[in-house]
Amino acid sequence: MSLAISLAYLVAAVLFILGLRQLSSPRGARRGNQTAAVGMVIALGATIPLLHFTTAGLVIVLIGIAIGAPIGALTARRVHMTAMPQMVAIFNGVGGGAAALVAVTELLDQGMHPAFALAFPSVLSIVIGGVSFAGSVVAFSKLQGLLTGTPMTYPGQQVVNGLIALAIIALAVAVLTAGSVPAFFVALLILALVLGVAFVLPIGGADMPVVISLLNAFTGLAVAASGFVLNNFALIVAGTLVGASGTLLTKLMSDAMGRSLANVLFGAFGQVVAGPAGVAGAEGKSVRSGSPEDVGTMLAYARKVIIVPGYGLAVAQAQHAARELADELERRGVDVEYAIHPVAGRMPGHMNVLLAEANVPYEQLKEMDEINDEFKFTDVALVVGANDVVNPAARNTPGSPIYGMPILNADEAKNIVFMKRSMRPGFAGIDNELLYDPKTIMLFGDAKDSLTKLVAAVKAV
């Protein structure tokens, strides 16, 4: 049985690695999820014989599976794509919280003086898992609108956070040296939860993709630590993979924003600033607005169109309408591609997932570095619900909060069509000078409704 379980864990680990590898491309993402899921089923099946359950314990585990599996499956299938970031955040938090509780249970079971090899990873799991759980709950609340998306700060906040961190270190040392006193590690868990809340509250909505990625890495590390606590090879491998990939993704996304990770986490950037509705720009600047018929005619006679999707596309659930417009243009011989910015949306890969749901061909999804040089040869850049990721201030305005952030070169297209509900700025809270470019036409309204009208207008040409 021991050999069989070891082989099962090895197969599961290989499937986890293959699944992660397949996630590197939109074309293989679905298979990657399925591959990793099969690995997890194998790992779970191999673990149950190791638990030496009493009959009552086995019944409890089966009840837990019977409750949790349908909740996970139904939630994942029914969630709207606009709410996918929230679901990722809260499910990730549950994983971190579970790892922390496992560590607490093991410390209670081991008594006053557990071996260092068990106490140290338990402490890590409690701290990292607690921070991940509480931080993910705050991230969920911000994305869901239960909390404001603006950075929530107060004087001396970093000092308070530093004191909390020092108290956590002191309690961790106490658990490892003085003994595993329940009061110590329960207080450790409580302070970790407080730090998780204090850690995410000052981060604005614009930075939530980076935060979700980082918290995902935290959960992976907490799970890996739990694997050492339980001496479970599958948990160690799965947690390490998640922790490593999440850390790398966090670094890549920070680079894509042109900012250091420290600036993202401690800069209190990403405010939501309400702007005036209507067509009047900042400081009296005017914009040029058009009708769906005008824009439809322009698109129908273009040779190349690049669609730039953003969070507004997700909010309006307009991905299918965008695909319908692209199909209609292609029937007229127009070359259509989609420009994907790494931090467009509210979670890593949000736009890829959204457009994949509408069965947009993978070869039309172009990453920023791949497509940026093509804008200068493009007749129309159709910006649908994006804002900060096409704002030229990132290149042209030193001192701007987004200065230095790599952006999509939509301003280099011969014509720009900007689809927005109003003139309100994006999550960075700054005006977008591209809206006032003479080449830009504003098409105000709900993205799905406007795209549907554009489809009709193109058909009528």
Protein backbone atom coordinates (compact mmCIF):
# COMPACT_ATOMS: atom_id res chain seq x y z
CA MET A 1 0.00 0.00 0.00
CA SER A 2 2.86 2.39 0.86
CA LEU A 3 4.46 1.85 -2.56
CA ALA A 4 1.13 2.29 -4.31
CA ILE A 5 0.47 5.55 -2.47
CA SER A 6 3.95 6.85 -3.25
CA LEU A 7 3.45 6.07 -6.94
CA ALA A 8 0.05 7.78 -6.87
CA TYR A 9 1.60 10.90 -5.35
CA LEU A 10 4.32 10.86 -8.01
CA VAL A 11 1.71 10.63 -10.78
CA ALA A 12 -0.26 13.47 -9.16
CA ALA A 13 2.86 15.65 -8.95
CA VAL A 14 3.65 15.05 -12.63
CA LEU A 15 0.07 15.95 -13.57
CA PHE A 16 0.30 19.17 -11.50
CA ILE A 17 3.45 20.17 -13.35
CA LEU A 18 1.99 19.29 -16.77
CA GLY A 19 -1.18 21.20 -15.93
CA LEU A 20 0.79 24.28 -14.96
CA ARG A 21 2.78 24.02 -18.17
CA GLN A 22 -0.40 23.87 -20.25
CA LEU A 23 -1.74 26.99 -18.51
CA SER A 24 1.02 29.03 -20.16
CA SER A 25 -1.05 29.28 -23.35
CA PRO A 26 -4.74 30.14 -23.82
CA ARG A 27 -4.97 27.22 -26.21
CA GLY A 28 -3.94 24.74 -23.53
CA ALA A 29 -5.50 26.44 -20.50
CA ARG A 30 -8.63 24.28 -20.44
CA ARG A 31 -6.59 21.09 -20.73
CA GLY A 32 -4.23 22.39 -18.05
CA ASN A 33 -7.07 22.80 -15.58
CA GLN A 34 -8.41 19.35 -16.41
CA THR A 35 -4.97 17.76 -16.09
CA ALA A 36 -4.33 19.35 -12.69
CA ALA A 37 -7.83 18.38 -11.52
CA VAL A 38 -7.16 14.73 -12.38
CA GLY A 39 -3.92 14.97 -10.42
CA MET A 40 -5.78 16.35 -7.41
CA VAL A 41 -8.37 13.55 -7.54
CA ILE A 42 -5.55 10.99 -7.56
CA ALA A 43 -3.82 12.74 -4.65
CA LEU A 44 -7.03 12.84 -2.62
CA GLY A 45 -7.76 9.19 -3.31
CA ALA A 46 -4.26 8.19 -2.26
CA THR A 47 -4.43 10.23 0.95
CA ILE A 48 -7.59 8.75 2.42
CA PRO A 49 -6.02 5.34 3.28
CA LEU A 50 -3.26 7.16 5.21
CA LEU A 51 -5.64 8.84 7.60
CA HIS A 52 -6.53 5.74 9.66
CA PHE A 53 -10.06 6.90 10.19
CA THR A 54 -12.51 5.63 12.68
CA THR A 55 -15.89 5.02 11.14
CA ALA A 56 -17.15 8.34 12.52
CA GLY A 57 -14.12 10.18 11.14
CA LEU A 58 -14.60 8.69 7.69
CA VAL A 59 -18.25 9.70 7.73
CA ILE A 60 -17.27 13.27 8.61
CA VAL A 61 -14.78 13.42 5.72
CA LEU A 62 -17.33 12.05 3.26
CA ILE A 63 -19.89 14.59 4.48
CA GLY A 64 -17.31 17.35 3.96
CA ILE A 65 -16.65 16.17 0.39
CA ALA A 66 -20.38 15.86 -0.28
CA ILE A 67 -20.93 19.47 0.84
CA GLY A 68 -17.79 21.10 -0.58
CA ALA A 69 -17.66 19.49 -4.02
CA PRO A 70 -21.15 20.64 -5.16
CA ILE A 71 -20.56 24.14 -3.75
CA GLY A 72 -17.30 24.46 -5.69
CA ALA A 73 -18.71 23.00 -8.91
CA LEU A 74 -21.95 25.01 -8.91
CA THR A 75 -20.20 28.25 -7.95
CA ALA A 76 -17.60 27.87 -10.69
CA ARG A 77 -20.20 27.08 -13.34
CA ARG A 78 -22.70 29.77 -12.41
CA VAL A 79 -20.41 32.69 -11.63
CA HIS A 80 -20.51 35.51 -14.16
CA MET A 81 -17.23 36.32 -15.85
CA THR A 82 -17.41 39.78 -14.28
CA ALA A 83 -17.33 38.14 -10.86
CA MET A 84 -14.54 35.69 -11.65
CA PRO A 85 -11.87 37.80 -9.85
CA GLN A 86 -13.97 37.77 -6.68
CA MET A 87 -14.40 34.02 -6.89
CA VAL A 88 -10.67 33.48 -7.40
CA ALA A 89 -9.91 35.74 -4.43
CA ILE A 90 -12.32 34.07 -2.01
CA PHE A 91 -11.47 30.49 -3.04
CA ASN A 92 -7.80 31.32 -2.68
CA GLY A 93 -8.46 32.71 0.79
CA VAL A 94 -10.28 29.54 1.81
CA GLY A 95 -7.18 27.54 0.88
CA GLY A 96 -4.94 29.73 3.02
CA GLY A 97 -7.36 29.57 5.93
CA ALA A 98 -7.59 25.78 5.70
CA ALA A 99 -3.78 25.49 5.79
CA ALA A 100 -3.64 27.69 8.90
CA LEU A 101 -6.31 25.62 10.67
CA VAL A 102 -4.49 22.38 9.85
CA ALA A 103 -1.35 23.80 11.47
CA VAL A 104 -3.28 24.87 14.58
CA THR A 105 -4.82 21.39 14.86
CA GLU A 106 -1.43 19.71 14.58
CA LEU A 107 0.08 21.93 17.28
CA LEU A 108 -2.83 21.11 19.59
CA ASP A 109 -2.35 17.42 18.87
CA GLN A 110 1.42 17.44 19.50
CA GLY A 111 1.27 18.97 22.96
CA MET A 112 3.60 21.44 24.66
CA HIS A 113 6.91 20.53 23.03
CA PRO A 114 6.51 19.43 19.42
CA ALA A 115 9.59 18.67 17.37
CA PHE A 116 11.12 21.72 15.68
CA ALA A 117 10.64 20.04 12.30
CA LEU A 118 6.87 20.17 12.94
CA ALA A 119 6.62 23.42 14.92
CA PHE A 120 8.49 25.60 12.41
CA PRO A 121 6.38 24.78 9.31
CA SER A 122 3.26 24.96 11.51
CA VAL A 123 4.12 28.51 12.53
CA LEU A 124 4.80 29.44 8.89
CA SER A 125 1.50 27.94 7.81
CA ILE A 126 -0.43 29.80 10.52
CA VAL A 127 1.14 33.16 9.68
CA ILE A 128 1.11 32.94 5.88
CA GLY A 129 -2.26 31.19 5.71
CA GLY A 130 -3.85 33.70 8.09
CA VAL A 131 -2.53 36.67 6.09
CA SER A 132 -3.72 35.05 2.85
CA PHE A 133 -7.21 34.33 4.20
CA ALA A 134 -7.85 37.77 5.67
CA GLY A 135 -6.22 39.58 2.75
CA SER A 136 -8.28 37.59 0.25
CA VAL A 137 -11.49 38.46 2.09
CA VAL A 138 -10.62 42.17 1.85
CA ALA A 139 -9.71 41.78 -1.84
CA PHE A 140 -13.04 40.01 -2.44
CA SER A 141 -14.89 42.80 -0.64
CA LYS A 142 -13.17 45.50 -2.71
CA LEU A 143 -13.88 43.70 -5.99
CA GLN A 144 -17.47 42.98 -5.01
CA GLY A 145 -18.08 46.60 -4.04
CA LEU A 146 -18.64 45.80 -0.37
CA LEU A 147 -15.64 48.02 0.40
CA THR A 148 -14.49 51.07 -1.51
CA GLY A 149 -11.86 50.51 -4.20
CA THR A 150 -9.88 53.52 -3.00
CA PRO A 151 -6.82 52.99 -0.79
CA MET A 152 -7.93 53.08 2.86
CA THR A 153 -5.10 54.71 4.79
CA TYR A 154 -4.50 56.56 8.06
CA PRO A 155 -1.50 58.39 9.56
CA GLY A 156 1.14 56.04 10.89
CA GLN A 157 -0.33 53.03 9.13
CA GLN A 158 3.01 51.53 8.13
CA VAL A 159 4.25 51.92 11.72
CA VAL A 160 1.20 50.05 13.02
CA ASN A 161 1.69 47.31 10.43
CA GLY A 162 5.35 47.07 11.43
CA LEU A 163 4.42 46.68 15.10
CA ILE A 164 1.95 43.92 14.21
CA ALA A 165 4.67 42.15 12.24
CA LEU A 166 7.09 42.43 15.18
CA ALA A 167 4.46 40.99 17.53
CA ILE A 168 3.97 38.08 15.11
CA ILE A 169 7.71 37.41 15.08
CA ALA A 170 7.84 37.53 18.89
CA LEU A 171 4.97 35.06 19.23
CA ALA A 172 6.50 32.78 16.60
CA VAL A 173 9.77 32.71 18.53
CA ALA A 174 7.84 31.99 21.73
CA VAL A 175 6.05 29.03 20.14
CA LEU A 176 9.35 27.63 18.82
CA THR A 177 11.34 28.08 22.02
CA ALA A 178 9.15 28.39 25.10
CA GLY A 179 6.61 25.77 24.07
CA SER A 180 3.47 25.27 22.02
CA VAL A 181 1.11 27.06 24.36
CA PRO A 182 -2.36 27.40 22.76
CA ALA A 183 -2.60 31.02 23.86
CA PHE A 184 0.57 31.76 21.86
CA PHE A 185 -0.35 30.21 18.53
CA VAL A 186 -4.01 31.27 18.71
CA ALA A 187 -2.82 34.84 19.28
CA LEU A 188 -0.41 34.29 16.39
CA LEU A 189 -3.30 33.34 14.11
CA ILE A 190 -5.37 36.36 15.23
CA LEU A 191 -2.49 38.77 14.57
CA ALA A 192 -1.90 37.15 11.15
CA LEU A 193 -5.55 37.79 10.29
CA VAL A 194 -5.25 41.41 11.44
CA LEU A 195 -2.09 41.87 9.36
CA GLY A 196 -3.84 40.42 6.30
CA VAL A 197 -6.59 43.02 6.60
CA ALA A 198 -4.16 45.87 7.28
CA PHE A 199 -1.96 44.70 4.40
CA VAL A 200 -4.67 44.85 1.67
CA LEU A 201 -6.81 47.79 2.84
CA PRO A 202 -4.35 50.46 1.63
CA ILE A 203 -4.13 48.93 -1.86
CA GLY A 204 -6.44 50.40 -4.50
CA GLY A 205 -8.67 48.66 -7.00
CA ALA A 206 -6.26 49.22 -9.89
CA ASP A 207 -3.71 46.96 -8.21
CA MET A 208 -6.03 44.07 -7.37
CA PRO A 209 -4.62 41.80 -10.13
CA VAL A 210 -1.19 42.00 -8.50
CA VAL A 211 -2.66 41.53 -5.01
CA ILE A 212 -4.64 38.45 -6.04
CA SER A 213 -1.55 36.95 -7.63
CA LEU A 214 0.54 37.62 -4.52
CA LEU A 215 -2.10 36.21 -2.15
CA ASN A 216 -2.31 33.15 -4.37
CA ALA A 217 1.44 32.69 -3.89
CA PHE A 218 0.96 33.08 -0.12
CA THR A 219 -1.65 30.33 -0.08
CA GLY A 220 0.68 28.05 -2.03
CA LEU A 221 3.46 28.58 0.50
CA ALA A 222 1.06 27.96 3.39
CA VAL A 223 -0.12 24.72 1.78
CA ALA A 224 3.49 23.62 1.17
CA ALA A 225 4.27 24.27 4.85
CA SER A 226 1.22 22.18 5.79
CA GLY A 227 2.65 19.42 3.61
CA PHE A 228 5.76 19.35 5.79
CA VAL A 229 3.58 19.35 8.91
CA LEU A 230 1.57 16.36 7.66
CA ASN A 231 4.51 14.72 5.88
CA ASN A 232 2.43 14.76 2.69
CA PHE A 233 4.44 14.79 -0.54
CA ALA A 234 1.49 15.86 -2.73
CA LEU A 235 0.79 18.94 -0.61
CA ILE A 236 4.45 19.94 -0.67
CA VAL A 237 4.66 19.70 -4.47
CA ALA A 238 1.30 21.38 -5.17
CA GLY A 239 1.92 24.19 -2.69
CA THR A 240 5.44 24.83 -3.96
CA LEU A 241 4.22 25.00 -7.56
CA VAL A 242 1.51 27.49 -6.64
CA GLY A 243 3.86 29.54 -4.50
CA ALA A 244 6.61 29.69 -7.11
CA SER A 245 4.33 30.40 -10.07
CA GLY A 246 2.35 32.98 -8.11
CA THR A 247 5.54 34.77 -7.08
CA LEU A 248 6.83 34.86 -10.65
CA LEU A 249 3.47 36.08 -11.94
CA THR A 250 3.37 38.81 -9.31
CA LYS A 251 6.82 40.01 -10.41
CA LEU A 252 5.85 39.94 -14.09
CA MET A 253 2.65 41.90 -13.44
CA SER A 254 4.51 44.50 -11.40
CA ASP A 255 6.94 44.89 -14.29
CA ALA A 256 4.00 45.20 -16.70
CA MET A 257 2.77 48.14 -14.62
CA GLY A 258 6.20 49.73 -14.66
CA ARG A 259 6.33 49.77 -10.86
CA SER A 260 8.14 47.90 -8.15
CA LEU A 261 6.23 45.40 -6.02
CA ALA A 262 6.98 47.56 -2.98
CA ASN A 263 5.31 50.53 -4.66
CA VAL A 264 2.24 48.44 -5.47
CA LEU A 265 1.94 47.14 -1.92
CA PHE A 266 2.88 50.24 0.04
CA GLY A 267 2.25 53.16 -2.33
CA ALA A 268 -1.50 53.55 -1.67
CA PHE A 269 -1.97 53.89 -5.42
CA GLY A 270 -5.06 53.07 -7.44
CA GLN A 271 -7.65 55.54 -6.29
CA VAL A 272 -11.06 55.67 -7.88
CA VAL A 273 -11.84 59.27 -8.65
CA ALA A 274 -15.24 60.12 -10.02
CA GLY A 275 -15.15 62.40 -13.02
CA PRO A 276 -17.96 64.37 -14.63
CA ALA A 277 -20.41 62.47 -16.75
CA GLY A 278 -21.09 63.49 -20.31
CA VAL A 279 -18.73 64.62 -23.04
CA ALA A 280 -16.97 67.55 -21.43
CA GLY A 281 -13.38 66.73 -20.56
CA ALA A 282 -11.12 68.09 -17.88
CA GLU A 283 -10.26 71.78 -17.91
CA GLY A 284 -12.86 72.47 -20.56
CA LYS A 285 -11.24 70.25 -23.20
CA SER A 286 -13.69 68.84 -25.70
CA VAL A 287 -13.99 65.42 -27.24
CA ARG A 288 -15.41 64.23 -30.55
CA SER A 289 -18.34 61.84 -30.19
CA GLY A 290 -19.90 59.74 -32.93
CA SER A 291 -22.87 57.51 -33.63
CA PRO A 292 -22.82 53.74 -34.08
CA GLU A 293 -23.56 54.30 -37.77
CA ASP A 294 -20.50 56.54 -38.18
CA VAL A 295 -18.22 54.11 -36.39
CA GLY A 296 -19.76 51.10 -38.17
CA THR A 297 -18.98 52.64 -41.56
CA MET A 298 -15.40 53.36 -40.50
CA LEU A 299 -14.93 49.77 -39.32
CA ALA A 300 -16.52 48.24 -42.41
CA TYR A 301 -14.08 49.99 -44.75
CA ALA A 302 -10.98 49.41 -42.61
CA ARG A 303 -8.29 46.95 -43.57
CA LYS A 304 -7.06 46.23 -40.05
CA VAL A 305 -8.84 46.64 -36.70
CA ILE A 306 -7.38 45.98 -33.26
CA ILE A 307 -9.85 45.54 -30.39
CA VAL A 308 -8.52 46.56 -26.97
CA PRO A 309 -10.69 44.95 -24.26
CA GLY A 310 -10.83 46.21 -20.68
CA TYR A 311 -12.84 45.80 -17.52
CA GLY A 312 -15.77 47.69 -19.05
CA LEU A 313 -16.14 44.81 -21.52
CA ALA A 314 -16.39 42.40 -18.59
CA VAL A 315 -18.86 44.55 -16.64
CA ALA A 316 -21.18 44.75 -19.66
CA GLN A 317 -20.68 41.03 -20.43
CA ALA A 318 -19.99 42.15 -23.98
CA GLN A 319 -17.47 39.49 -24.98
CA HIS A 320 -19.96 37.67 -27.24
CA ALA A 321 -20.97 40.93 -28.92
CA ALA A 322 -17.29 41.72 -29.53
CA ARG A 323 -16.81 38.31 -31.12
CA GLU A 324 -19.91 38.86 -33.29
CA LEU A 325 -18.56 42.22 -34.48
CA ALA A 326 -15.16 40.67 -35.26
CA ASP A 327 -16.84 37.86 -37.24
CA GLU A 328 -18.86 40.35 -39.28
CA LEU A 329 -15.77 42.42 -40.05
CA GLU A 330 -13.80 39.34 -41.06
CA ARG A 331 -16.56 38.37 -43.49
CA ARG A 332 -15.88 41.72 -45.15
CA GLY A 333 -12.15 40.95 -45.37
CA VAL A 334 -11.05 43.04 -42.39
CA ASP A 335 -8.07 41.75 -40.39
CA VAL A 336 -9.14 41.69 -36.70
CA GLU A 337 -6.93 41.10 -33.66
CA TYR A 338 -7.26 41.63 -29.89
CA ALA A 339 -4.59 43.48 -27.90
CA ILE A 340 -4.26 42.05 -24.38
CA HIS A 341 -2.54 44.10 -21.68
CA PRO A 342 -1.15 42.01 -18.77
CA VAL A 343 -3.10 43.94 -16.13
CA ALA A 344 -6.32 44.61 -18.04
CA GLY A 345 -9.28 43.56 -15.90
CA ARG A 346 -9.27 42.62 -12.23
CA MET A 347 -7.25 39.42 -12.13
CA PRO A 348 -4.32 37.87 -14.01
CA GLY A 349 -5.44 36.72 -17.45
CA HIS A 350 -8.93 38.20 -17.02
CA MET A 351 -9.30 39.28 -20.66
CA ASN A 352 -7.99 35.96 -21.99
CA VAL A 353 -10.53 34.04 -19.92
CA LEU A 354 -13.32 36.40 -20.90
CA LEU A 355 -12.66 36.19 -24.65
CA ALA A 356 -12.05 32.45 -24.52
CA GLU A 357 -15.58 32.09 -23.14
CA ALA A 358 -16.82 33.74 -26.35
CA ASN A 359 -14.71 31.29 -28.40
CA VAL A 360 -12.46 34.00 -29.80
CA PRO A 361 -9.71 32.17 -31.77
CA TYR A 362 -6.56 31.93 -29.67
CA GLU A 363 -4.38 33.14 -32.53
CA GLN A 364 -6.23 36.48 -32.50
CA LEU A 365 -5.29 37.16 -28.85
CA LYS A 366 -2.04 39.11 -28.94
CA GLU A 367 0.00 40.04 -25.88
CA MET A 368 1.24 43.62 -25.49
CA ASP A 369 4.81 43.04 -26.65
CA GLU A 370 3.61 41.06 -29.65
CA ILE A 371 1.08 43.57 -30.96
CA ASN A 372 2.36 47.01 -29.98
CA ASP A 373 4.33 47.48 -33.20
CA GLU A 374 1.21 46.70 -35.25
CA PHE A 375 -0.83 49.70 -34.09
CA LYS A 376 0.98 52.06 -36.46
CA PHE A 377 -0.32 49.96 -39.38
CA THR A 378 -3.86 49.76 -37.98
CA ASP A 379 -6.80 51.68 -39.42
CA VAL A 380 -8.95 51.55 -36.26
CA ALA A 381 -8.10 50.80 -32.65
CA LEU A 382 -11.41 49.94 -30.95
CA VAL A 383 -10.97 50.46 -27.19
CA VAL A 384 -13.78 48.69 -25.33
CA GLY A 385 -13.91 49.56 -21.64
CA ALA A 386 -10.14 49.96 -21.19
CA ASN A 387 -8.61 53.18 -19.92
CA ASP A 388 -5.33 53.27 -18.01
CA VAL A 389 -3.68 50.60 -20.20
CA VAL A 390 -3.89 52.92 -23.25
CA ASN A 391 -3.25 56.24 -21.49
CA PRO A 392 -0.30 58.03 -23.19
CA ALA A 393 0.45 59.80 -19.89
CA ALA A 394 2.35 56.64 -18.99
CA ARG A 395 4.88 57.66 -21.65
CA ASN A 396 4.53 61.42 -21.93
CA THR A 397 3.84 62.82 -18.46
CA PRO A 398 6.63 62.55 -15.87
CA GLY A 399 5.11 62.73 -12.42
CA SER A 400 1.90 60.98 -13.47
CA PRO A 401 0.97 58.09 -11.13
CA ILE A 402 1.22 55.71 -14.09
CA TYR A 403 4.35 57.21 -15.67
CA GLY A 404 6.65 54.41 -16.78
CA MET A 405 3.90 51.79 -17.01
CA PRO A 406 4.09 49.93 -20.34
CA ILE A 407 0.90 50.57 -22.30
CA LEU A 408 -0.74 49.46 -25.52
CA ASN A 409 0.15 51.86 -28.34
CA ALA A 410 -3.45 52.53 -29.33
CA ASP A 411 -2.58 56.21 -29.88
CA GLU A 412 -0.45 55.19 -32.88
CA ALA A 413 -3.45 53.86 -34.83
CA LYS A 414 -4.82 55.97 -37.67
CA ASN A 415 -8.18 56.20 -35.90
CA ILE A 416 -9.21 55.45 -32.32
CA VAL A 417 -12.74 54.60 -31.21
CA PHE A 418 -13.19 54.83 -27.45
CA MET A 419 -16.24 53.04 -26.04
CA LYS A 420 -17.11 54.31 -22.54
CA ARG A 421 -20.17 54.98 -20.44
CA SER A 422 -18.94 58.46 -19.51
CA MET A 423 -15.81 60.58 -19.18
CA ARG A 424 -14.98 59.17 -15.75
CA PRO A 425 -11.31 58.16 -15.37
CA GLY A 426 -10.16 54.61 -14.82
CA PHE A 427 -9.01 53.07 -11.55
CA ALA A 428 -5.80 55.10 -11.59
CA GLY A 429 -8.03 58.14 -11.07
CA ILE A 430 -6.35 60.29 -13.74
CA ASP A 431 -7.58 61.83 -16.96
CA ASN A 432 -6.77 60.03 -20.21
CA GLU A 433 -5.35 62.43 -22.79
CA LEU A 434 -6.13 59.94 -25.54
CA LEU A 435 -9.81 60.86 -25.20
CA TYR A 436 -9.00 64.35 -26.52
CA ASP A 437 -6.82 63.23 -29.42
CA PRO A 438 -8.18 64.54 -32.74
CA LYS A 439 -8.06 60.98 -34.07
CA THR A 440 -10.35 59.74 -31.29
CA ILE A 441 -14.10 59.25 -31.60
CA MET A 442 -16.07 58.64 -28.41
CA LEU A 443 -18.96 56.18 -28.52
CA PHE A 444 -20.82 56.59 -25.24
CA GLY A 445 -23.04 53.90 -23.77
CA ASP A 446 -23.08 50.35 -22.42
CA ALA A 447 -20.40 48.30 -24.21
CA LYS A 448 -22.69 45.38 -25.06
CA ASP A 449 -25.42 47.65 -26.42
CA SER A 450 -22.93 49.73 -28.41
CA LEU A 451 -21.24 46.68 -29.90
CA THR A 452 -24.60 45.23 -30.89
CA LYS A 453 -25.42 48.48 -32.67
CA LEU A 454 -22.04 48.41 -34.39
CA VAL A 455 -22.77 44.91 -35.70
CA ALA A 456 -26.03 46.16 -37.20
CA ALA A 457 -24.30 49.22 -38.64
CA VAL A 458 -21.58 47.14 -40.31
CA LYS A 459 -24.18 44.79 -41.79
CA ALA A 460 -26.06 47.78 -43.18
CA VAL A 461 -23.03 49.17 -45.06
